[in-house]
C-alpha atoms as a PDB file:
ATOM      1  CA  MET A   1     -48.348-110.660  -8.029  1.00  0.00           C
ATOM      2  CA  LYS A   2     -50.595-109.224  -5.384  1.00  0.00           C
ATOM      3  CA  LEU A   3     -51.669-106.201  -3.410  1.00  0.00           C
ATOM      4  CA  LEU A   4     -50.266-106.288   0.114  1.00  0.00           C
ATOM      5  CA  SER A   5     -52.069-103.220   1.417  1.00  0.00           C
ATOM      6  CA  VAL A   6     -54.251-100.276   0.421  1.00  0.00           C
ATOM      7  CA  ASN A   7     -53.028 -97.159   2.230  1.00  0.00           C
ATOM      8  CA  LEU A   8     -54.952 -93.970   2.996  1.00  0.00           C
ATOM      9  CA  GLY A   9     -53.818 -90.639   4.412  1.00  0.00           C
ATOM     10  CA  ARG A  10     -55.631 -87.950   6.370  1.00  0.00           C
ATOM     11  CA  PHE A  11     -54.780 -84.273   6.689  1.00  0.00           C
ATOM     12  CA  LYS A  12     -51.973 -83.657   9.160  1.00  0.00           C
ATOM     13  CA  ALA A  13     -50.535 -80.233   9.971  1.00  0.00           C
ATOM     14  CA  VAL A  14     -46.731 -80.300   9.739  1.00  0.00           C
ATOM     15  CA  ASP A  15     -43.916 -77.769   9.644  1.00  0.00           C
ATOM     16  CA  TYR A  16     -42.303 -79.225   6.499  1.00  0.00           C
ATOM     17  CA  SER A  17     -45.190 -78.763   4.072  1.00  0.00           C
ATOM     18  CA  ASP A  18     -45.275 -75.832   1.663  1.00  0.00           C
ATOM     19  CA  ALA A  19     -48.933 -76.448   0.841  1.00  0.00           C
ATOM     20  CA  PRO A  20     -51.252 -73.473   1.418  1.00  0.00           C
ATOM     21  CA  SER A  21     -53.096 -75.600   3.969  1.00  0.00           C
ATOM     22  CA  GLY A  22     -49.905 -76.218   5.936  1.00  0.00           C
ATOM     23  CA  GLY A  23     -50.623 -79.922   5.948  1.00  0.00           C
ATOM     24  CA  THR A  24     -50.041 -83.185   4.132  1.00  0.00           C
ATOM     25  CA  GLY A  25     -51.706 -86.544   3.614  1.00  0.00           C
ATOM     26  CA  ILE A  26     -48.429 -88.401   3.007  1.00  0.00           C
ATOM     27  CA  ASP A  27     -48.597 -90.321   6.288  1.00  0.00           C
ATOM     28  CA  LYS A  28     -50.674 -93.186   4.912  1.00  0.00           C
ATOM     29  CA  GLN A  29     -51.891 -96.174   6.907  1.00  0.00           C
ATOM     30  CA  PRO A  30     -53.229 -99.543   5.704  1.00  0.00           C
ATOM     31  CA  ALA A  31     -57.010 -99.588   5.363  1.00  0.00           C
ATOM     32  CA  GLU A  32     -59.268-102.327   6.606  1.00  0.00           C
ATOM     33  CA  GLY A  33     -61.766-103.717   4.138  1.00  0.00           C
ATOM     34  CA  ALA A  34     -62.564-102.596   0.616  1.00  0.00           C
ATOM     35  CA  VAL A  35     -61.636 -99.182  -0.810  1.00  0.00           C
ATOM     36  CA  ARG A  36     -63.366 -97.644  -3.829  1.00  0.00           C
ATOM     37  CA  VAL A  37     -61.055 -96.266  -6.544  1.00  0.00           C
ATOM     38  CA  THR A  38     -62.307 -93.854  -9.221  1.00  0.00           C
ATOM     39  CA  ALA A  39     -60.929 -91.130 -11.481  1.00  0.00           C
ATOM     40  CA  PRO A  40     -60.796 -88.017  -9.250  1.00  0.00           C
ATOM     41  CA  GLY A  41     -60.958 -85.306 -11.908  1.00  0.00           C
ATOM     42  CA  PRO A  42     -58.410 -82.880 -13.402  1.00  0.00           C
ATOM     43  CA  LYS A  43     -55.287 -81.868 -11.532  1.00  0.00           C
ATOM     44  CA  GLY A  44     -55.890 -78.816  -9.403  1.00  0.00           C
ATOM     45  CA  VAL A  45     -59.488 -79.891  -8.835  1.00  0.00           C
ATOM     46  CA  GLY A  46     -59.399 -83.623  -8.192  1.00  0.00           C
ATOM     47  CA  GLY A  47     -57.346 -85.188  -5.426  1.00  0.00           C
ATOM     48  CA  SER A  48     -56.748 -88.857  -4.788  1.00  0.00           C
ATOM     49  CA  GLY A  49     -58.497 -91.616  -6.673  1.00  0.00           C
ATOM     50  CA  LEU A  50     -59.037 -93.561  -3.457  1.00  0.00           C
ATOM     51  CA  ALA A  51     -62.052 -92.902  -1.275  1.00  0.00           C
ATOM     52  CA  GLY A  52     -60.951 -91.688   2.132  1.00  0.00           C
ATOM     53  CA  ASP A  53     -57.481 -90.587   0.994  1.00  0.00           C
ATOM     54  CA  GLU A  54     -56.666 -86.876   1.217  1.00  0.00           C
ATOM     55  CA  VAL A  55     -54.458 -84.832  -1.091  1.00  0.00           C
ATOM     56  CA  CYS A  56     -53.591 -81.587   0.679  1.00  0.00           C
ATOM     57  CA  ASP A  57     -51.749 -79.818  -2.142  1.00  0.00           C
ATOM     58  CA  THR A  58     -53.600 -80.238  -5.420  1.00  0.00           C
ATOM     59  CA  ARG A  59     -51.193 -77.828  -7.131  1.00  0.00           C
ATOM     60  CA  HIS A  60     -48.638 -80.624  -7.433  1.00  0.00           C
ATOM     61  CA  HIS A  61     -50.407 -83.839  -6.491  1.00  0.00           C
ATOM     62  CA  GLY A  62     -53.501 -85.811  -7.390  1.00  0.00           C
ATOM     63  CA  GLY A  63     -55.780 -85.523 -10.371  1.00  0.00           C
ATOM     64  CA  ASP A  64     -56.651 -88.063 -13.034  1.00  0.00           C
ATOM     65  CA  HIS A  65     -53.068 -88.750 -14.143  1.00  0.00           C
ATOM     66  CA  GLN A  66     -51.789 -89.177 -10.587  1.00  0.00           C
ATOM     67  CA  ALA A  67     -54.856 -90.821  -9.129  1.00  0.00           C
ATOM     68  CA  VAL A  68     -53.008 -93.728  -7.514  1.00  0.00           C
ATOM     69  CA  TYR A  69     -49.407 -94.148  -6.343  1.00  0.00           C
ATOM     70  CA  ALA A  70     -47.884 -97.631  -6.125  1.00  0.00           C
ATOM     71  CA  TYR A  71     -44.619 -98.777  -4.572  1.00  0.00           C
ATOM     72  CA  ALA A  72     -43.120-102.248  -4.448  1.00  0.00           C
ATOM     73  CA  ARG A  73     -42.568-103.995  -1.130  1.00  0.00           C
ATOM     74  CA  GLU A  74     -39.318-105.306  -2.569  1.00  0.00           C
ATOM     75  CA  ASP A  75     -38.054-101.738  -2.995  1.00  0.00           C
ATOM     76  CA  LEU A  76     -39.186-100.800   0.518  1.00  0.00           C
ATOM     77  CA  ASP A  77     -37.222-103.812   1.796  1.00  0.00           C
ATOM     78  CA  ALA A  78     -34.126-102.571  -0.040  1.00  0.00           C
ATOM     79  CA  TRP A  79     -34.559 -99.154   1.581  1.00  0.00           C
ATOM     80  CA  GLU A  80     -34.937-100.802   4.990  1.00  0.00           C
ATOM     81  CA  ARG A  81     -31.497-102.342   4.550  1.00  0.00           C
ATOM     82  CA  LEU A  82     -29.985 -99.062   3.390  1.00  0.00           C
ATOM     83  CA  LEU A  83     -31.562 -96.930   6.107  1.00  0.00           C
ATOM     84  CA  GLY A  84     -31.385 -99.468   8.908  1.00  0.00           C
ATOM     85  CA  ARG A  85     -34.971 -98.874   9.997  1.00  0.00           C
ATOM     86  CA  PRO A  86     -38.357-100.520   9.475  1.00  0.00           C
ATOM     87  CA  LEU A  87     -40.600 -99.172   6.715  1.00  0.00           C
ATOM     88  CA  PRO A  88     -44.167-100.466   7.104  1.00  0.00           C
ATOM     89  CA  HIS A  89     -46.607-100.538   4.191  1.00  0.00           C
ATOM     90  CA  GLY A  90     -47.471 -96.946   3.247  1.00  0.00           C
ATOM     91  CA  SER A  91     -44.179 -95.478   4.518  1.00  0.00           C
ATOM     92  CA  PHE A  92     -43.444 -93.729   1.227  1.00  0.00           C
ATOM     93  CA  GLY A  93     -46.963 -92.325   1.008  1.00  0.00           C
ATOM     94  CA  GLU A  94     -47.960 -94.989  -1.484  1.00  0.00           C
ATOM     95  CA  ASN A  95     -51.601 -95.952  -1.915  1.00  0.00           C
ATOM     96  CA  LEU A  96     -50.752 -99.461  -3.062  1.00  0.00           C
ATOM     97  CA  THR A  97     -47.973-101.567  -1.578  1.00  0.00           C
ATOM     98  CA  THR A  98     -47.371-104.389  -4.039  1.00  0.00           C
ATOM     99  CA  SER A  99     -45.561-107.722  -4.139  1.00  0.00           C
ATOM    100  CA  GLY A 100     -44.138-109.572  -7.122  1.00  0.00           C
ATOM    101  CA  ILE A 101     -44.391-106.774  -9.687  1.00  0.00           C
ATOM    102  CA  ASP A 102     -41.523-104.541 -10.828  1.00  0.00           C
ATOM    103  CA  VAL A 103     -43.240-101.202 -10.308  1.00  0.00           C
ATOM    104  CA  SER A 104     -40.378 -98.945 -11.380  1.00  0.00           C
ATOM    105  CA  GLY A 105     -39.676-101.272 -14.291  1.00  0.00           C
ATOM    106  CA  ALA A 106     -43.257-100.993 -15.527  1.00  0.00           C
ATOM    107  CA  LYS A 107     -43.768 -99.392 -18.923  1.00  0.00           C
ATOM    108  CA  ILE A 108     -45.660 -96.147 -19.356  1.00  0.00           C
ATOM    109  CA  GLY A 109     -49.088 -97.228 -20.579  1.00  0.00           C
ATOM    110  CA  GLU A 110     -48.871-100.623 -18.893  1.00  0.00           C
ATOM    111  CA  ARG A 111     -52.256-101.634 -17.515  1.00  0.00           C
ATOM    112  CA  TRP A 112     -52.857-103.495 -14.270  1.00  0.00           C
ATOM    113  CA  ARG A 113     -55.975-105.331 -13.268  1.00  0.00           C
ATOM    114  CA  VAL A 114     -56.194-105.108  -9.483  1.00  0.00           C
ATOM    115  CA  GLY A 115     -58.842-107.366  -8.024  1.00  0.00           C
ATOM    116  CA  PRO A 116     -61.844-108.257 -10.206  1.00  0.00           C
ATOM    117  CA  GLU A 117     -62.893-104.706 -11.142  1.00  0.00           C
ATOM    118  CA  LEU A 118     -60.190-102.039 -11.069  1.00  0.00           C
ATOM    119  CA  LEU A 119     -58.073-101.338 -14.163  1.00  0.00           C
ATOM    120  CA  LEU A 120     -55.169 -98.899 -13.838  1.00  0.00           C
ATOM    121  CA  GLU A 121     -52.680 -97.456 -16.333  1.00  0.00           C
ATOM    122  CA  VAL A 122     -49.118 -96.359 -15.553  1.00  0.00           C
ATOM    123  CA  THR A 123     -48.461 -92.683 -16.361  1.00  0.00           C
ATOM    124  CA  SER A 124     -45.206 -91.611 -14.683  1.00  0.00           C
ATOM    125  CA  GLY A 125     -42.837 -91.983 -11.762  1.00  0.00           C
ATOM    126  CA  ARG A 126     -42.860 -90.112  -8.487  1.00  0.00           C
ATOM    127  CA  ILE A 127     -40.749 -86.947  -8.251  1.00  0.00           C
ATOM    128  CA  PRO A 128     -39.400 -86.534  -4.700  1.00  0.00           C
ATOM    129  CA  CYS A 129     -40.172 -83.307  -2.854  1.00  0.00           C
ATOM    130  CA  GLN A 130     -39.322 -81.617   0.435  1.00  0.00           C
ATOM    131  CA  THR A 131     -42.541 -82.879   2.010  1.00  0.00           C
ATOM    132  CA  PHE A 132     -41.390 -86.444   1.261  1.00  0.00           C
ATOM    133  CA  GLN A 133     -38.017 -85.641   2.822  1.00  0.00           C
ATOM    134  CA  GLY A 134     -39.627 -84.119   5.900  1.00  0.00           C
ATOM    135  CA  HIS A 135     -41.924 -87.102   6.294  1.00  0.00           C
ATOM    136  CA  LEU A 136     -39.030 -89.579   6.197  1.00  0.00           C
ATOM    137  CA  GLY A 137     -36.755 -87.407   8.332  1.00  0.00           C
ATOM    138  CA  GLU A 138     -33.689 -88.444   6.354  1.00  0.00           C
ATOM    139  CA  LYS A 139     -30.940 -85.978   5.423  1.00  0.00           C
ATOM    140  CA  GLN A 140     -30.423 -85.373   1.689  1.00  0.00           C
ATOM    141  CA  TRP A 141     -33.383 -87.649   1.039  1.00  0.00           C
ATOM    142  CA  VAL A 142     -34.328 -86.142  -2.322  1.00  0.00           C
ATOM    143  CA  LYS A 143     -30.798 -86.754  -3.611  1.00  0.00           C
ATOM    144  CA  ARG A 144     -30.615 -90.282  -2.213  1.00  0.00           C
ATOM    145  CA  PHE A 145     -34.038 -91.235  -3.558  1.00  0.00           C
ATOM    146  CA  THR A 146     -33.069 -89.898  -6.972  1.00  0.00           C
ATOM    147  CA  GLN A 147     -29.802 -91.830  -7.027  1.00  0.00           C
ATOM    148  CA  GLN A 148     -31.545 -95.085  -6.113  1.00  0.00           C
ATOM    149  CA  GLY A 149     -33.752 -94.825  -9.192  1.00  0.00           C
ATOM    150  CA  THR A 150     -36.792 -96.734  -7.922  1.00  0.00           C
ATOM    151  CA  PRO A 151     -39.466 -94.012  -7.845  1.00  0.00           C
ATOM    152  CA  GLY A 152     -42.605 -96.130  -7.883  1.00  0.00           C
ATOM    153  CA  ALA A 153     -45.431 -95.397 -10.286  1.00  0.00           C
ATOM    154  CA  TYR A 154     -48.392 -93.085 -10.630  1.00  0.00           C
ATOM    155  CA  LEU A 155     -51.436 -94.549 -12.351  1.00  0.00           C
ATOM    156  CA  ARG A 156     -54.680 -93.303 -13.847  1.00  0.00           C
ATOM    157  CA  VAL A 157     -58.016 -95.095 -13.462  1.00  0.00           C
ATOM    158  CA  ILE A 158     -59.315 -96.740 -16.635  1.00  0.00           C
ATOM    159  CA  GLU A 159     -62.085 -98.782 -15.026  1.00  0.00           C
ATOM    160  CA  PRO A 160     -63.159 -97.963 -11.435  1.00  0.00           C
ATOM    161  CA  GLY A 161     -63.646-100.588  -8.785  1.00  0.00           C
ATOM    162  CA  GLU A 162     -63.142-101.721  -5.217  1.00  0.00           C
ATOM    163  CA  ILE A 163     -59.873-103.200  -4.011  1.00  0.00           C
ATOM    164  CA  ARG A 164     -58.577-104.656  -0.773  1.00  0.00           C
ATOM    165  CA  ALA A 165     -55.397-106.142   0.661  1.00  0.00           C
ATOM    166  CA  GLY A 166     -54.720-109.572  -0.798  1.00  0.00           C
ATOM    167  CA  ASP A 167     -56.182-108.847  -4.237  1.00  0.00           C
ATOM    168  CA  ALA A 168     -54.342-110.272  -7.220  1.00  0.00           C
ATOM    169  CA  ILE A 169     -52.538-107.928  -9.620  1.00  0.00           C
ATOM    170  CA  GLU A 170     -52.431-108.935 -13.280  1.00  0.00           C
ATOM    171  CA  ILE A 171     -50.642-107.151 -16.112  1.00  0.00           C
ATOM    172  CA  ALA A 172     -53.509-106.760 -18.563  1.00  0.00           C
ATOM    173  CA  HIS A 173     -51.514-104.908 -21.240  1.00  0.00           C
ATOM    174  CA  ARG A 174     -47.828-104.159 -21.780  1.00  0.00           C
ATOM    175  CA  PRO A 175     -46.906-101.724 -24.585  1.00  0.00           C
ATOM    176  CA  GLU A 176     -44.337-102.475 -27.285  1.00  0.00           C
ATOM    177  CA  HIS A 177     -42.163 -99.416 -26.576  1.00  0.00           C
ATOM    178  CA  ASP A 178     -39.278 -99.394 -24.081  1.00  0.00           C
ATOM    179  CA  VAL A 179     -40.206 -96.343 -21.991  1.00  0.00           C
ATOM    180  CA  THR A 180     -40.251 -97.532 -18.393  1.00  0.00           C
ATOM    181  CA  VAL A 181     -41.033 -95.573 -15.252  1.00  0.00           C
ATOM    182  CA  ALA A 182     -37.339 -95.770 -14.310  1.00  0.00           C
ATOM    183  CA  LEU A 183     -36.283 -94.344 -17.683  1.00  0.00           C
ATOM    184  CA  GLN A 184     -38.805 -91.520 -17.413  1.00  0.00           C
ATOM    185  CA  PHE A 185     -37.519 -90.731 -13.912  1.00  0.00           C
ATOM    186  CA  ARG A 186     -33.913 -90.559 -15.113  1.00  0.00           C
ATOM    187  CA  ALA A 187     -34.908 -88.340 -18.025  1.00  0.00           C
ATOM    188  CA  VAL A 188     -36.630 -85.845 -15.749  1.00  0.00           C
ATOM    189  CA  MET A 189     -34.212 -85.909 -12.831  1.00  0.00           C
ATOM    190  CA  THR A 190     -30.669 -86.541 -14.084  1.00  0.00           C
ATOM    191  CA  GLU A 191     -30.412 -87.219 -17.834  1.00  0.00           C
ATOM    192  CA  LYS A 192     -32.330 -84.535 -19.673  1.00  0.00           C
ATOM    193  CA  HIS A 193     -31.069 -85.711 -23.078  1.00  0.00           C
ATOM    194  CA  LEU A 194     -33.372 -88.727 -22.674  1.00  0.00           C
ATOM    195  CA  LEU A 195     -36.511 -86.588 -22.627  1.00  0.00           C
ATOM    196  CA  PRO A 196     -37.339 -86.920 -26.350  1.00  0.00           C
ATOM    197  CA  SER A 197     -37.292 -90.713 -26.047  1.00  0.00           C
ATOM    198  CA  LEU A 198     -40.273 -90.502 -23.685  1.00  0.00           C
ATOM    199  CA  LEU A 199     -42.520 -89.458 -26.560  1.00  0.00           C
ATOM    200  CA  ALA A 200     -42.535 -93.077 -27.753  1.00  0.00           C
ATOM    201  CA  ALA A 201     -44.992 -93.768 -24.922  1.00  0.00           C
ATOM    202  CA  GLY A 202     -47.611 -91.618 -26.668  1.00  0.00           C
ATOM    203  CA  ASP A 203     -50.662 -90.276 -24.873  1.00  0.00           C
ATOM    204  CA  ALA A 204     -50.238 -92.737 -21.999  1.00  0.00           C
ATOM    205  CA  LEU A 205     -47.482 -90.491 -20.664  1.00  0.00           C
ATOM    206  CA  HIS A 206     -48.542 -87.835 -18.151  1.00  0.00           C
ATOM    207  CA  PRO A 207     -49.585 -84.760 -20.219  1.00  0.00           C
ATOM    208  CA  GLU A 208     -47.160 -82.477 -18.379  1.00  0.00           C
ATOM    209  CA  LEU A 209     -44.292 -84.789 -19.319  1.00  0.00           C
ATOM    210  CA  ILE A 210     -45.403 -84.904 -22.942  1.00  0.00           C
ATOM    211  CA  GLU A 211     -45.173 -81.117 -23.035  1.00  0.00           C
ATOM    212  CA  THR A 212     -41.766 -81.114 -21.324  1.00  0.00           C
ATOM    213  CA  ALA A 213     -40.391 -83.741 -23.705  1.00  0.00           C
ATOM    214  CA  ARG A 214     -41.725 -81.962 -26.779  1.00  0.00           C
ATOM    215  CA  LYS A 215     -40.257 -78.615 -25.773  1.00  0.00           C
ATOM    216  CA  TYR A 216     -36.867 -80.215 -25.115  1.00  0.00           C
ATOM    217  CA  ALA A 217     -36.961 -82.031 -28.467  1.00  0.00           C
ATOM    218  CA  GLU A 218     -37.850 -78.825 -30.305  1.00  0.00           C
ATOM    219  CA  LYS A 219     -34.985 -76.966 -28.656  1.00  0.00           C
ATOM    220  CA  HIS A 220     -32.277 -79.619 -28.624  1.00  0.00           C
ATOM    221  CA  GLY A 221     -33.343 -82.175 -31.198  1.00  0.00           C
ATOM    222  CA  SER A 222     -34.473 -85.765 -30.669  1.00  0.00           C
ATOM    223  CA  ARG A 223     -31.806 -88.018 -29.251  1.00  0.00           C
ATOM    224  CA  THR A 224     -32.625 -91.520 -28.102  1.00  0.00           C
ATOM    225  CA  PRO A 225     -30.817 -93.552 -25.391  1.00  0.00           C
END
């Protein structure tokens, strides 16, 4: 398991962003050399966890619980076949393009050691938005991405550090529960009755999702898969 590339985005004005700034940092390109990764601060204040990477809409993106976004090269390859077009590292706006690790199959709370220093923890899956659709230029992209069910993972920073392309990725901890990123994605996007089951992930789950799952459970009762 290894890190194929570390991808950074700069502000770019586009006509498909609903951010107050009118721009996006989703168009990420592989960085040369080492990149420092730290906890960026609370959502709404902090942006990306990667130095040199811009988050242009902190209302919905960035912050400690979405400090880093990872996507598997294997899933990009599958999308290449479906779309019939090349998708270089960073095409989905991911900070980390990985190889050999099932990113969407990772458990909430799973911890990854990336390189010798950085320790990350999985918090949630990516929810597709219109900016993502505009960036890809694919019709009905939000629907298609949702149906595919490989959202990639957001991670928080447990121990900061520098990373670079080629670094090893090691699963340092894998929780006992069965709440994966893919399950969380389905619960939020298409199968709301699964929401209470997400609470088994405990505080590792993104706080906003904990609140959503609790409210659903209180209203509808706790039903497991």
